[in-house]
Amino acid sequence: MNPPFISVNEYLNWMNPPFISVNEHLNWMNPPFISVNEYLNWMNPPFISVDEYLNWMNPPLNSVDEYLNRMNPLLQVS
């Protein structure tokens, strides 16, 4: 059975390549990001917070845990 994930760390470890931390993942991105807030501000549309981003999703999500539980493995970075 494909994931849902129980934690952010589990999700990061599952990615290809695996990541040890959110910061490591942000630094690996193109362009690299210093923080989650910098990444959210760079998005289109820009977001002020993780909560604002989760509320914007369709369907809106209440928490990072809910996001991880609904995650589709097809979203895996390759």
PDB file of N, CA and C in Angstrom:
ATOM      1  N   MET A   1       0.848  -1.184   0.000  1.00  0.00           N
ATOM      2  CA  MET A   1       0.000   0.000   0.000  1.00  0.00           C
ATOM      3  C   MET A   1       0.890   1.242   0.000  1.00  0.00           C
ATOM      4  N   ASN A   2       0.491   2.237  -0.760  1.00  0.00           N
ATOM      5  CA  ASN A   2       1.264   3.482  -0.831  1.00  0.00           C
ATOM      6  C   ASN A   2       1.025   4.337   0.398  1.00  0.00           C
ATOM      7  N   PRO A   3       1.992   5.218   0.709  1.00  0.00           N
ATOM      8  CA  PRO A   3       1.812   6.056   1.883  1.00  0.00           C
ATOM      9  C   PRO A   3       0.557   6.899   1.763  1.00  0.00           C
ATOM     10  N   PRO A   4      -0.126   7.178   2.834  1.00  0.00           N
ATOM     11  CA  PRO A   4       0.012   8.400   3.618  1.00  0.00           C
ATOM     12  C   PRO A   4       1.241   8.353   4.538  1.00  0.00           C
ATOM     13  N   PHE A   5       1.618   9.523   4.990  1.00  0.00           N
ATOM     14  CA  PHE A   5       2.801   9.660   5.836  1.00  0.00           C
ATOM     15  C   PHE A   5       2.383  10.082   7.225  1.00  0.00           C
ATOM     16  N   ILE A   6       3.128   9.608   8.233  1.00  0.00           N
ATOM     17  CA  ILE A   6       2.773   9.987   9.596  1.00  0.00           C
ATOM     18  C   ILE A   6       3.535  11.199  10.099  1.00  0.00           C
ATOM     19  N   SER A   7       4.587  11.578   9.430  1.00  0.00           N
ATOM     20  CA  SER A   7       5.335  12.751   9.873  1.00  0.00           C
ATOM     21  C   SER A   7       6.042  13.399   8.690  1.00  0.00           C
ATOM     22  N   VAL A   8       6.454  14.637   8.891  1.00  0.00           N
ATOM     23  CA  VAL A   8       7.221  15.345   7.863  1.00  0.00           C
ATOM     24  C   VAL A   8       8.531  14.599   7.611  1.00  0.00           C
ATOM     25  N   ASN A   9       9.172  14.111   8.673  1.00  0.00           N
ATOM     26  CA  ASN A   9      10.432  13.373   8.499  1.00  0.00           C
ATOM     27  C   ASN A   9      10.250  12.109   7.670  1.00  0.00           C
ATOM     28  N   GLU A  10       9.150  11.403   7.895  1.00  0.00           N
ATOM     29  CA  GLU A  10       8.884  10.201   7.105  1.00  0.00           C
ATOM     30  C   GLU A  10       8.722  10.573   5.626  1.00  0.00           C
ATOM     31  N   TYR A  11       8.008  11.650   5.359  1.00  0.00           N
ATOM     32  CA  TYR A  11       7.839  12.123   3.985  1.00  0.00           C
ATOM     33  C   TYR A  11       9.187  12.503   3.357  1.00  0.00           C
ATOM     34  N   LEU A  12      10.005  13.243   4.090  1.00  0.00           N
ATOM     35  CA  LEU A  12      11.315  13.657   3.577  1.00  0.00           C
ATOM     36  C   LEU A  12      12.218  12.450   3.309  1.00  0.00           C
ATOM     37  N   ASN A  13      12.163  11.445   4.154  1.00  0.00           N
ATOM     38  CA  ASN A  13      12.974  10.241   3.959  1.00  0.00           C
ATOM     39  C   ASN A  13      12.516   9.418   2.768  1.00  0.00           C
ATOM     40  N   TRP A  14      11.240   9.521   2.429  1.00  0.00           N
ATOM     41  CA  TRP A  14      10.655   8.771   1.318  1.00  0.00           C
ATOM     42  C   TRP A  14      10.989   9.399  -0.031  1.00  0.00           C
ATOM     43  N   MET A  15      11.290  10.691  -0.033  1.00  0.00           N
ATOM     44  CA  MET A  15      11.543  11.410  -1.282  1.00  0.00           C
ATOM     45  C   MET A  15      12.792  10.885  -1.983  1.00  0.00           C
ATOM     46  N   ASN A  16      12.923  11.250  -3.251  1.00  0.00           N
ATOM     47  CA  ASN A  16      14.069  10.839  -4.050  1.00  0.00           C
ATOM     48  C   ASN A  16      14.751  12.085  -4.606  1.00  0.00           C
ATOM     49  N   PRO A  17      15.910  12.498  -4.080  1.00  0.00           N
ATOM     50  CA  PRO A  17      16.681  11.837  -3.027  1.00  0.00           C
ATOM     51  C   PRO A  17      16.042  12.034  -1.655  1.00  0.00           C
ATOM     52  N   PRO A  18      16.387  11.190  -0.680  1.00  0.00           N
ATOM     53  CA  PRO A  18      15.867  11.411   0.677  1.00  0.00           C
ATOM     54  C   PRO A  18      16.520  12.634   1.320  1.00  0.00           C
ATOM     55  N   PHE A  19      15.782  13.274   2.196  1.00  0.00           N
ATOM     56  CA  PHE A  19      16.280  14.460   2.902  1.00  0.00           C
ATOM     57  C   PHE A  19      16.216  14.233   4.394  1.00  0.00           C
ATOM     58  N   ILE A  20      17.187  14.813   5.103  1.00  0.00           N
ATOM     59  CA  ILE A  20      17.269  14.688   6.562  1.00  0.00           C
ATOM     60  C   ILE A  20      16.378  15.724   7.248  1.00  0.00           C
ATOM     61  N   SER A  21      16.203  16.884   6.616  1.00  0.00           N
ATOM     62  CA  SER A  21      15.435  17.956   7.252  1.00  0.00           C
ATOM     63  C   SER A  21      14.744  18.816   6.194  1.00  0.00           C
ATOM     64  N   VAL A  22      13.793  19.609   6.649  1.00  0.00           N
ATOM     65  CA  VAL A  22      13.116  20.561   5.765  1.00  0.00           C
ATOM     66  C   VAL A  22      14.137  21.539   5.191  1.00  0.00           C
ATOM     67  N   ASN A  23      15.069  22.005   6.027  1.00  0.00           N
ATOM     68  CA  ASN A  23      16.086  22.955   5.543  1.00  0.00           C
ATOM     69  C   ASN A  23      16.956  22.354   4.452  1.00  0.00           C
ATOM     70  N   GLU A  24      17.316  21.097   4.606  1.00  0.00           N
ATOM     71  CA  GLU A  24      18.110  20.438   3.568  1.00  0.00           C
ATOM     72  C   GLU A  24      17.331  20.399   2.248  1.00  0.00           C
ATOM     73  N   HIS A  25      16.048  20.086   2.344  1.00  0.00           N
ATOM     74  CA  HIS A  25      15.206  20.063   1.139  1.00  0.00           C
ATOM     75  C   HIS A  25      15.103  21.456   0.511  1.00  0.00           C
ATOM     76  N   LEU A  26      14.894  22.477   1.322  1.00  0.00           N
ATOM     77  CA  LEU A  26      14.789  23.848   0.818  1.00  0.00           C
ATOM     78  C   LEU A  26      16.087  24.290   0.143  1.00  0.00           C
ATOM     79  N   ASN A  27      17.219  23.913   0.703  1.00  0.00           N
ATOM     80  CA  ASN A  27      18.516  24.279   0.116  1.00  0.00           C
ATOM     81  C   ASN A  27      18.778  23.562  -1.204  1.00  0.00           C
ATOM     82  N   TRP A  28      18.189  22.388  -1.371  1.00  0.00           N
ATOM     83  CA  TRP A  28      18.356  21.583  -2.579  1.00  0.00           C
ATOM     84  C   TRP A  28      17.507  22.095  -3.738  1.00  0.00           C
ATOM     85  N   MET A  29      16.436  22.826  -3.422  1.00  0.00           N
ATOM     86  CA  MET A  29      15.504  23.288  -4.455  1.00  0.00           C
ATOM     87  C   MET A  29      16.168  24.273  -5.409  1.00  0.00           C
ATOM     88  N   ASN A  30      15.509  24.486  -6.540  1.00  0.00           N
ATOM     89  CA  ASN A  30      16.016  25.425  -7.537  1.00  0.00           C
ATOM     90  C   ASN A  30      14.952  26.481  -7.795  1.00  0.00           C
ATOM     91  N   PRO A  31      15.147  27.718  -7.334  1.00  0.00           N
ATOM     92  CA  PRO A  31      16.286  28.240  -6.578  1.00  0.00           C
ATOM     93  C   PRO A  31      16.280  27.707  -5.141  1.00  0.00           C
ATOM     94  N   PRO A  32      17.434  27.746  -4.457  1.00  0.00           N
ATOM     95  CA  PRO A  32      17.445  27.331  -3.049  1.00  0.00           C
ATOM     96  C   PRO A  32      16.730  28.362  -2.168  1.00  0.00           C
ATOM     97  N   PHE A  33      16.168  27.890  -1.089  1.00  0.00           N
ATOM     98  CA  PHE A  33      15.450  28.757  -0.152  1.00  0.00           C
ATOM     99  C   PHE A  33      16.072  28.639   1.228  1.00  0.00           C
ATOM    100  N   ILE A  34      16.054  29.750   1.965  1.00  0.00           N
ATOM    101  CA  ILE A  34      16.627  29.807   3.309  1.00  0.00           C
ATOM    102  C   ILE A  34      15.624  29.327   4.352  1.00  0.00           C
ATOM    103  N   SER A  35      14.318  29.544   4.077  1.00  0.00           N
ATOM    104  CA  SER A  35      13.303  29.202   5.063  1.00  0.00           C
ATOM    105  C   SER A  35      11.990  28.829   4.379  1.00  0.00           C
ATOM    106  N   VAL A  36      11.103  28.227   5.147  1.00  0.00           N
ATOM    107  CA  VAL A  36       9.768  27.912   4.640  1.00  0.00           C
ATOM    108  C   VAL A  36       9.047  29.201   4.260  1.00  0.00           C
ATOM    109  N   ASN A  37       9.199  30.243   5.059  1.00  0.00           N
ATOM    110  CA  ASN A  37       8.536  31.520   4.744  1.00  0.00           C
ATOM    111  C   ASN A  37       9.024  32.105   3.428  1.00  0.00           C
ATOM    112  N   GLU A  38      10.316  32.010   3.178  1.00  0.00           N
ATOM    113  CA  GLU A  38      10.847  32.506   1.909  1.00  0.00           C
ATOM    114  C   GLU A  38      10.241  31.725   0.744  1.00  0.00           C
ATOM    115  N   TYR A  39      10.128  30.404   0.908  1.00  0.00           N
ATOM    116  CA  TYR A  39       9.514  29.568  -0.129  1.00  0.00           C
ATOM    117  C   TYR A  39       8.049  29.939  -0.343  1.00  0.00           C
ATOM    118  N   LEU A  40       7.295  30.119   0.739  1.00  0.00           N
ATOM    119  CA  LEU A  40       5.877  30.478   0.629  1.00  0.00           C
ATOM    120  C   LEU A  40       5.702  31.829  -0.054  1.00  0.00           C
ATOM    121  N   ASN A  41       6.570  32.771   0.237  1.00  0.00           N
ATOM    122  CA  ASN A  41       6.488  34.099  -0.395  1.00  0.00           C
ATOM    123  C   ASN A  41       6.826  34.057  -1.880  1.00  0.00           C
ATOM    124  N   TRP A  42       7.630  33.084  -2.277  1.00  0.00           N
ATOM    125  CA  TRP A  42       8.043  32.929  -3.664  1.00  0.00           C
ATOM    126  C   TRP A  42       6.961  32.268  -4.519  1.00  0.00           C
ATOM    127  N   MET A  43       6.055  31.522  -3.883  1.00  0.00           N
ATOM    128  CA  MET A  43       5.031  30.781  -4.619  1.00  0.00           C
ATOM    129  C   MET A  43       4.090  31.722  -5.358  1.00  0.00           C
ATOM    130  N   ASN A  44       3.359  31.153  -6.305  1.00  0.00           N
ATOM    131  CA  ASN A  44       2.383  31.931  -7.065  1.00  0.00           C
ATOM    132  C   ASN A  44       1.026  31.283  -6.899  1.00  0.00           C
ATOM    133  N   PRO A  45       0.102  31.908  -6.131  1.00  0.00           N
ATOM    134  CA  PRO A  45       0.244  33.182  -5.424  1.00  0.00           C
ATOM    135  C   PRO A  45       1.146  33.038  -4.202  1.00  0.00           C
ATOM    136  N   PRO A  46       1.689  34.173  -3.702  1.00  0.00           N
ATOM    137  CA  PRO A  46       2.498  34.097  -2.475  1.00  0.00           C
ATOM    138  C   PRO A  46       1.607  33.831  -1.251  1.00  0.00           C
ATOM    139  N   PHE A  47       2.166  33.182  -0.272  1.00  0.00           N
ATOM    140  CA  PHE A  47       1.451  32.875   0.968  1.00  0.00           C
ATOM    141  C   PHE A  47       2.218  33.442   2.144  1.00  0.00           C
ATOM    142  N   ILE A  48       1.469  33.878   3.161  1.00  0.00           N
ATOM    143  CA  ILE A  48       2.057  34.473   4.362  1.00  0.00           C
ATOM    144  C   ILE A  48       2.470  33.393   5.354  1.00  0.00           C
ATOM    145  N   SER A  49       1.755  32.263   5.353  1.00  0.00           N
ATOM    146  CA  SER A  49       2.025  31.214   6.339  1.00  0.00           C
ATOM    147  C   SER A  49       1.643  29.844   5.779  1.00  0.00           C
ATOM    148  N   VAL A  50       2.091  28.814   6.461  1.00  0.00           N
ATOM    149  CA  VAL A  50       1.711  27.458   6.089  1.00  0.00           C
ATOM    150  C   VAL A  50       0.200  27.296   6.209  1.00  0.00           C
ATOM    151  N   ASP A  51      -0.393  27.863   7.259  1.00  0.00           N
ATOM    152  CA  ASP A  51      -1.855  27.774   7.427  1.00  0.00           C
ATOM    153  C   ASP A  51      -2.595  28.398   6.256  1.00  0.00           C
ATOM    154  N   GLU A  52      -2.124  29.539   5.796  1.00  0.00           N
ATOM    155  CA  GLU A  52      -2.767  30.182   4.649  1.00  0.00           C
ATOM    156  C   GLU A  52      -2.672  29.285   3.413  1.00  0.00           C
ATOM    157  N   TYR A  53      -1.518  28.668   3.201  1.00  0.00           N
ATOM    158  CA  TYR A  53      -1.338  27.743   2.079  1.00  0.00           C
ATOM    159  C   TYR A  53      -2.278  26.547   2.190  1.00  0.00           C
ATOM    160  N   LEU A  54      -2.374  25.960   3.379  1.00  0.00           N
ATOM    161  CA  LEU A  54      -3.256  24.808   3.572  1.00  0.00           C
ATOM    162  C   LEU A  54      -4.718  25.178   3.353  1.00  0.00           C
ATOM    163  N   ASN A  55      -5.112  26.364   3.775  1.00  0.00           N
ATOM    164  CA  ASN A  55      -6.499  26.810   3.574  1.00  0.00           C
ATOM    165  C   ASN A  55      -6.817  27.074   2.110  1.00  0.00           C
ATOM    166  N   TRP A  56      -5.804  27.415   1.329  1.00  0.00           N
ATOM    167  CA  TRP A  56      -5.959  27.717  -0.087  1.00  0.00           C
ATOM    168  C   TRP A  56      -6.137  26.442  -0.915  1.00  0.00           C
ATOM    169  N   MET A  57      -5.645  25.319  -0.407  1.00  0.00           N
ATOM    170  CA  MET A  57      -5.687  24.070  -1.163  1.00  0.00           C
ATOM    171  C   MET A  57      -7.119  23.621  -1.412  1.00  0.00           C
ATOM    172  N   ASN A  58      -7.274  22.749  -2.393  1.00  0.00           N
ATOM    173  CA  ASN A  58      -8.591  22.236  -2.732  1.00  0.00           C
ATOM    174  C   ASN A  58      -8.572  20.722  -2.597  1.00  0.00           C
ATOM    175  N   PRO A  59      -9.254  20.172  -1.573  1.00  0.00           N
ATOM    176  CA  PRO A  59     -10.010  20.855  -0.525  1.00  0.00           C
ATOM    177  C   PRO A  59      -9.082  21.505   0.493  1.00  0.00           C
ATOM    178  N   PRO A  60      -9.594  22.510   1.219  1.00  0.00           N
ATOM    179  CA  PRO A  60      -8.759  23.135   2.256  1.00  0.00           C
ATOM    180  C   PRO A  60      -8.382  22.107   3.322  1.00  0.00           C
ATOM    181  N   LEU A  61      -7.188  22.262   3.861  1.00  0.00           N
ATOM    182  CA  LEU A  61      -6.694  21.349   4.881  1.00  0.00           C
ATOM    183  C   LEU A  61      -6.454  22.111   6.173  1.00  0.00           C
ATOM    184  N   ASN A  62      -6.644  21.409   7.280  1.00  0.00           N
ATOM    185  CA  ASN A  62      -6.547  22.055   8.590  1.00  0.00           C
ATOM    186  C   ASN A  62      -5.156  21.995   9.215  1.00  0.00           C
ATOM    187  N   SER A  63      -4.330  21.078   8.747  1.00  0.00           N
ATOM    188  CA  SER A  63      -3.017  20.918   9.380  1.00  0.00           C
ATOM    189  C   SER A  63      -2.043  20.230   8.431  1.00  0.00           C
ATOM    190  N   VAL A  64      -0.769  20.317   8.767  1.00  0.00           N
ATOM    191  CA  VAL A  64       0.261  19.606   8.002  1.00  0.00           C
ATOM    192  C   VAL A  64       0.003  18.101   8.089  1.00  0.00           C
ATOM    193  N   ASP A  65      -0.439  17.618   9.255  1.00  0.00           N
ATOM    194  CA  ASP A  65      -0.746  16.192   9.393  1.00  0.00           C
ATOM    195  C   ASP A  65      -1.843  15.767   8.421  1.00  0.00           C
ATOM    196  N   GLU A  66      -2.859  16.585   8.292  1.00  0.00           N
ATOM    197  CA  GLU A  66      -3.933  16.264   7.346  1.00  0.00           C
ATOM    198  C   GLU A  66      -3.391  16.245   5.916  1.00  0.00           C
ATOM    199  N   TYR A  67      -2.511  17.182   5.589  1.00  0.00           N
ATOM    200  CA  TYR A  67      -1.876  17.211   4.275  1.00  0.00           C
ATOM    201  C   TYR A  67      -1.092  15.922   4.029  1.00  0.00           C
ATOM    202  N   LEU A  68      -0.300  15.499   5.006  1.00  0.00           N
ATOM    203  CA  LEU A  68       0.496  14.284   4.864  1.00  0.00           C
ATOM    204  C   LEU A  68      -0.392  13.046   4.723  1.00  0.00           C
ATOM    205  N   ASN A  69      -1.503  13.025   5.428  1.00  0.00           N
ATOM    206  CA  ASN A  69      -2.415  11.880   5.355  1.00  0.00           C
ATOM    207  C   ASN A  69      -3.131  11.785   4.009  1.00  0.00           C
ATOM    208  N   ARG A  70      -3.287  12.894   3.329  1.00  0.00           N
ATOM    209  CA  ARG A  70      -3.961  12.892   2.029  1.00  0.00           C
ATOM    210  C   ARG A  70      -2.995  12.824   0.859  1.00  0.00           C
ATOM    211  N   MET A  71      -1.727  12.858   1.164  1.00  0.00           N
ATOM    212  CA  MET A  71      -0.698  12.911   0.135  1.00  0.00           C
ATOM    213  C   MET A  71      -0.820  11.737  -0.822  1.00  0.00           C
ATOM    214  N   ASN A  72      -0.586  12.032  -2.103  1.00  0.00           N
ATOM    215  CA  ASN A  72      -0.576  10.989  -3.119  1.00  0.00           C
ATOM    216  C   ASN A  72       0.868  10.704  -3.494  1.00  0.00           C
ATOM    217  N   PRO A  73       1.308   9.466  -3.431  1.00  0.00           N
ATOM    218  CA  PRO A  73       2.704   9.163  -3.774  1.00  0.00           C
ATOM    219  C   PRO A  73       3.100   9.571  -5.192  1.00  0.00           C
ATOM    220  N   LEU A  74       2.161   9.819  -6.054  1.00  0.00           N
ATOM    221  CA  LEU A  74       2.508  10.276  -7.393  1.00  0.00           C
ATOM    222  C   LEU A  74       3.179  11.645  -7.349  1.00  0.00           C
ATOM    223  N   LEU A  75       3.061  12.337  -6.217  1.00  0.00           N
ATOM    224  CA  LEU A  75       3.700  13.649  -6.069  1.00  0.00           C
ATOM    225  C   LEU A  75       5.178  13.535  -5.743  1.00  0.00           C
ATOM    226  N   GLN A  76       5.691  12.321  -5.656  1.00  0.00           N
ATOM    227  CA  GLN A  76       7.095  12.125  -5.284  1.00  0.00           C
ATOM    228  C   GLN A  76       8.021  12.892  -6.216  1.00  0.00           C
ATOM    229  N   VAL A  77       9.002  13.547  -5.619  1.00  0.00           N
ATOM    230  CA  VAL A  77      10.029  14.246  -6.381  1.00  0.00           C
ATOM    231  C   VAL A  77      10.934  13.188  -7.001  1.00  0.00           C
ATOM    232  N   SER A  78      11.235  13.345  -8.296  1.00  0.00           N
ATOM    233  CA  SER A  78      12.113  12.342  -8.911  1.00  0.00           C
ATOM    234  C   SER A  78      13.308  13.007  -9.568  1.00  0.00           C
TER     235      SER A  78
END
